[in-house]
Every structure is written in C-alpha cells, then in structure tokens.
C-alpha cells in the first residue's frame, strides 16, 4: 500500500516499520526497548515481534524519535552506530480538551501516576513503598492516586489495590 500511494514519508508510531516502505523516507517512535530490558513484562507474541523486527526497524529508519533520553541511551547500547538518526522528543500536548468534572474528588495533596496498569510499570513496588512510608509516618500528607486502564497481567496489582484500600 505504501508503494501504491507513493508516500514521501512513512512515520511508524508503534516502534515498528513495515517490511517494505517503497522508497519513502521513514521515521519511527521508540518508547522503550522492553524486549531487551524487561521481556517478562510482554506477551510472548509481542516479545518475539519486537525481538525480530526492532533491529530491522532501527537499521532501516531514517529518523528515530526517542521519547526519553533513557530510550536514546538504551538504543545506543543496543546499536551504537545509530547516533545520527536519534532525536529525543518528549511527548506532550499544546492544549487540553474541555474540562469535565472528575468522577471522584481528588485529595488536596497527592502523588499521581497515569498509565496502563501492567507489570512493566512497576506499580506494585510504588504501592508497597507508599504503604511502607505511610506506616512509618502516619501523618504523611500525600495520598497516592493511580489512574489508567487495566492492562495485561494486572490481576496481582488489582489484588494489591483491594488489599491496600
């Protein structure tokens, strides 16, 4: 389809490029290299997809957007010859949608984490650390607020959250 549409540029936003890009310049976003750093946090099919295709994508891409300095560093450890292709670009937004009243009122002081609730986010460690902090200092003024959709292998996290509340 890329060849048929005669694209000038193809931008892969999910860390992979098509096997054939029909001569188009290519850019790709990279969030992490979890297939190397934390493979147990991935489904088997997702792990193998990235394990096989990521090296090809990294070599073929004309420009690689790293969504953190840490990702840039990880890519260079994996493929040291890619320095000139890497550009750190932090995700963000220019404006926010119209404000809606929250479903629940937030506490006055809180620590907030937002993201898919899955093992690689290490939320169990965050919750246990927070509970230990509250146990050691019951007057600690901040509440812990966790927001996001349930992801892959989140059963242990939901059990911990039920136990903690």
Protein backbone atom coordinates (compact mmCIF):
# COMPACT_ATOMS: atom_id res chain seq x y z
CA UNK A 1 0.00 0.00 0.00
CA UNK A 2 2.88 2.39 0.78
CA UNK A 3 4.39 1.83 -2.68
CA UNK A 4 0.99 2.20 -4.34
CA UNK A 5 0.28 5.51 -2.58
CA UNK A 6 3.81 6.78 -3.38
CA UNK A 7 4.32 8.26 0.08
CA UNK A 8 7.17 10.69 0.64
CA UNK A 9 7.44 9.85 4.33
CA UNK A 10 6.13 6.99 6.48
CA UNK A 11 6.04 7.57 10.26
CA UNK A 12 5.67 4.44 12.40
CA UNK A 13 4.25 5.44 15.77
CA UNK A 14 4.31 1.96 17.35
CA UNK A 15 8.06 1.19 17.27
CA UNK A 16 7.96 -0.81 14.05
CA UNK A 17 8.11 -0.11 10.33
CA UNK A 18 6.53 -2.14 7.53
CA UNK A 19 8.94 -4.57 5.89
CA UNK A 20 8.62 -2.71 2.58
CA UNK A 21 8.39 1.09 2.53
CA UNK A 22 8.56 1.64 -1.24
CA UNK A 23 11.37 4.19 -1.17
CA UNK A 24 9.62 6.51 1.29
CA UNK A 25 11.69 8.19 3.96
CA UNK A 26 10.91 6.61 7.31
CA UNK A 27 10.58 7.86 10.87
CA UNK A 28 9.68 5.77 13.89
CA UNK A 29 8.80 6.44 17.54
CA UNK A 30 10.57 4.42 20.23
CA UNK A 31 9.15 4.40 23.76
CA UNK A 32 11.50 1.75 25.17
CA UNK A 33 13.43 -1.41 24.42
CA UNK A 34 11.48 -3.65 26.78
CA UNK A 35 12.04 -6.66 24.56
CA UNK A 36 15.65 -6.41 25.80
CA UNK A 37 15.30 -4.72 29.20
CA UNK A 38 12.14 -6.34 30.56
CA UNK A 39 10.96 -9.17 28.30
CA UNK A 40 8.89 -10.82 31.05
CA UNK A 41 6.58 -7.80 31.03
CA UNK A 42 5.48 -8.55 27.45
CA UNK A 43 3.19 -11.12 25.93
CA UNK A 44 5.09 -13.87 24.10
CA UNK A 45 3.87 -12.74 20.67
CA UNK A 46 4.69 -9.09 21.36
CA UNK A 47 8.16 -10.04 22.63
CA UNK A 48 9.01 -12.04 19.51
CA UNK A 49 7.56 -9.41 17.19
CA UNK A 50 9.84 -6.76 18.70
CA UNK A 51 12.82 -9.10 19.13
CA UNK A 52 12.76 -9.95 15.40
CA UNK A 53 11.54 -6.69 13.84
CA UNK A 54 13.06 -3.97 16.05
CA UNK A 55 16.66 -4.47 14.86
CA UNK A 56 15.43 -4.27 11.25
CA UNK A 57 13.34 -1.19 12.01
CA UNK A 58 16.20 0.58 13.78
CA UNK A 59 18.61 -0.13 10.91
CA UNK A 60 16.16 0.93 8.18
CA UNK A 61 14.66 4.04 9.79
CA UNK A 62 15.90 7.39 8.52
CA UNK A 63 14.92 9.08 11.78
CA UNK A 64 14.22 7.57 15.20
CA UNK A 65 12.23 9.61 17.71
CA UNK A 66 13.22 8.55 21.23
CA UNK A 67 10.52 9.53 23.70
CA UNK A 68 13.07 9.88 26.52
CA UNK A 69 16.80 10.32 26.98
CA UNK A 70 16.86 6.89 28.61
CA UNK A 71 15.41 5.29 25.46
CA UNK A 72 18.07 7.03 23.37
CA UNK A 73 20.75 5.66 25.69
CA UNK A 74 19.27 2.12 25.53
CA UNK A 75 19.17 2.19 21.73
CA UNK A 76 22.81 3.30 21.57
CA UNK A 77 23.81 0.43 23.88
CA UNK A 78 22.00 -1.95 21.51
CA UNK A 79 23.03 -0.31 18.22
CA UNK A 80 25.94 2.11 18.77
CA UNK A 81 26.08 3.19 15.10
CA UNK A 82 22.66 4.92 15.15
CA UNK A 83 23.59 8.14 16.97
CA UNK A 84 22.97 10.42 13.97
CA UNK A 85 19.43 9.03 13.49
CA UNK A 86 18.28 9.51 17.10
CA UNK A 87 16.31 12.53 18.25
CA UNK A 88 14.86 12.87 21.75
CA UNK A 89 11.33 14.25 21.53
CA UNK A 90 9.26 14.30 24.71
CA UNK A 91 5.56 13.56 24.29
CA UNK A 92 3.19 16.38 25.17
CA UNK A 93 0.17 18.38 24.14
CA UNK A 94 -0.38 22.01 23.18
CA UNK A 95 -3.83 22.29 24.69
CA UNK A 96 -6.22 20.28 26.79
CA UNK A 97 -9.78 19.25 25.98
CA UNK A 98 -12.70 20.95 27.66
CA UNK A 99 -12.64 20.39 31.40
CA UNK A 100 -15.07 17.87 32.83
CA UNK A 101 -15.86 17.39 36.49
CA UNK A 102 -13.97 14.37 37.83
CA UNK A 103 -15.92 11.27 38.80
CA UNK A 104 -14.28 11.43 42.21
CA UNK A 105 -12.92 14.38 44.14
CA UNK A 106 -9.13 14.29 44.41
CA UNK A 107 -7.42 14.86 47.75
CA UNK A 108 -5.79 18.25 48.29
CA UNK A 109 -2.26 16.79 48.24
CA UNK A 110 -1.50 13.74 46.14
CA UNK A 111 1.10 11.80 44.19
CA UNK A 112 -0.20 10.88 40.74
CA UNK A 113 0.76 8.16 38.31
CA UNK A 114 -1.02 7.75 34.97
CA UNK A 115 -0.62 4.88 32.53
CA UNK A 116 -1.75 1.41 31.61
CA UNK A 117 -1.84 -0.74 34.74
CA UNK A 118 0.53 -3.59 33.87
CA UNK A 119 3.63 -5.25 35.39
CA UNK A 120 6.27 -3.29 33.49
CA UNK A 121 5.05 -0.05 35.08
CA UNK A 122 6.29 -1.42 38.43
CA UNK A 123 3.21 -0.16 40.27
CA UNK A 124 3.37 -2.94 42.89
CA UNK A 125 6.70 -1.51 44.06
CA UNK A 126 5.25 2.01 44.11
CA UNK A 127 2.22 0.91 46.15
CA UNK A 128 4.30 -1.11 48.61
CA UNK A 129 6.75 1.79 49.05
CA UNK A 130 3.87 4.19 49.63
CA UNK A 131 2.25 1.85 52.19
CA UNK A 132 5.58 1.48 54.00
CA UNK A 133 6.02 5.27 54.04
CA UNK A 134 2.52 5.74 55.48
CA UNK A 135 3.20 3.02 58.06
CA UNK A 136 6.40 4.77 59.17
CA UNK A 137 4.88 8.25 59.09
CA UNK A 138 1.11 8.20 59.55
CA UNK A 139 0.94 12.00 59.18
CA UNK A 140 2.47 11.91 55.67
CA UNK A 141 0.18 14.40 53.90
CA UNK A 142 0.06 12.97 50.36
CA UNK A 143 -2.40 10.41 49.02
CA UNK A 144 -1.45 8.06 46.19
CA UNK A 145 -3.68 8.36 43.11
CA UNK A 146 -3.35 5.78 40.32
CA UNK A 147 -5.14 6.41 37.02
CA UNK A 148 -5.25 4.31 33.86
CA UNK A 149 -6.88 1.35 32.21
CA UNK A 150 -6.22 -2.21 33.26
CA UNK A 151 -3.63 -3.86 31.06
CA UNK A 152 -2.02 -7.21 30.55
CA UNK A 153 -1.34 -9.30 33.69
CA UNK A 154 -2.87 -6.72 36.05
CA UNK A 155 -4.54 -9.30 38.35
CA UNK A 156 -1.79 -9.10 41.00
CA UNK A 157 -1.99 -5.33 41.01
CA UNK A 158 -5.77 -5.29 41.43
CA UNK A 159 -5.47 -7.73 44.37
CA UNK A 160 -2.84 -5.49 45.99
CA UNK A 161 -5.01 -2.40 45.48
CA UNK A 162 -8.05 -4.10 47.05
CA UNK A 163 -5.94 -5.21 49.99
CA UNK A 164 -4.43 -1.72 50.44
CA UNK A 165 -7.73 0.21 50.42
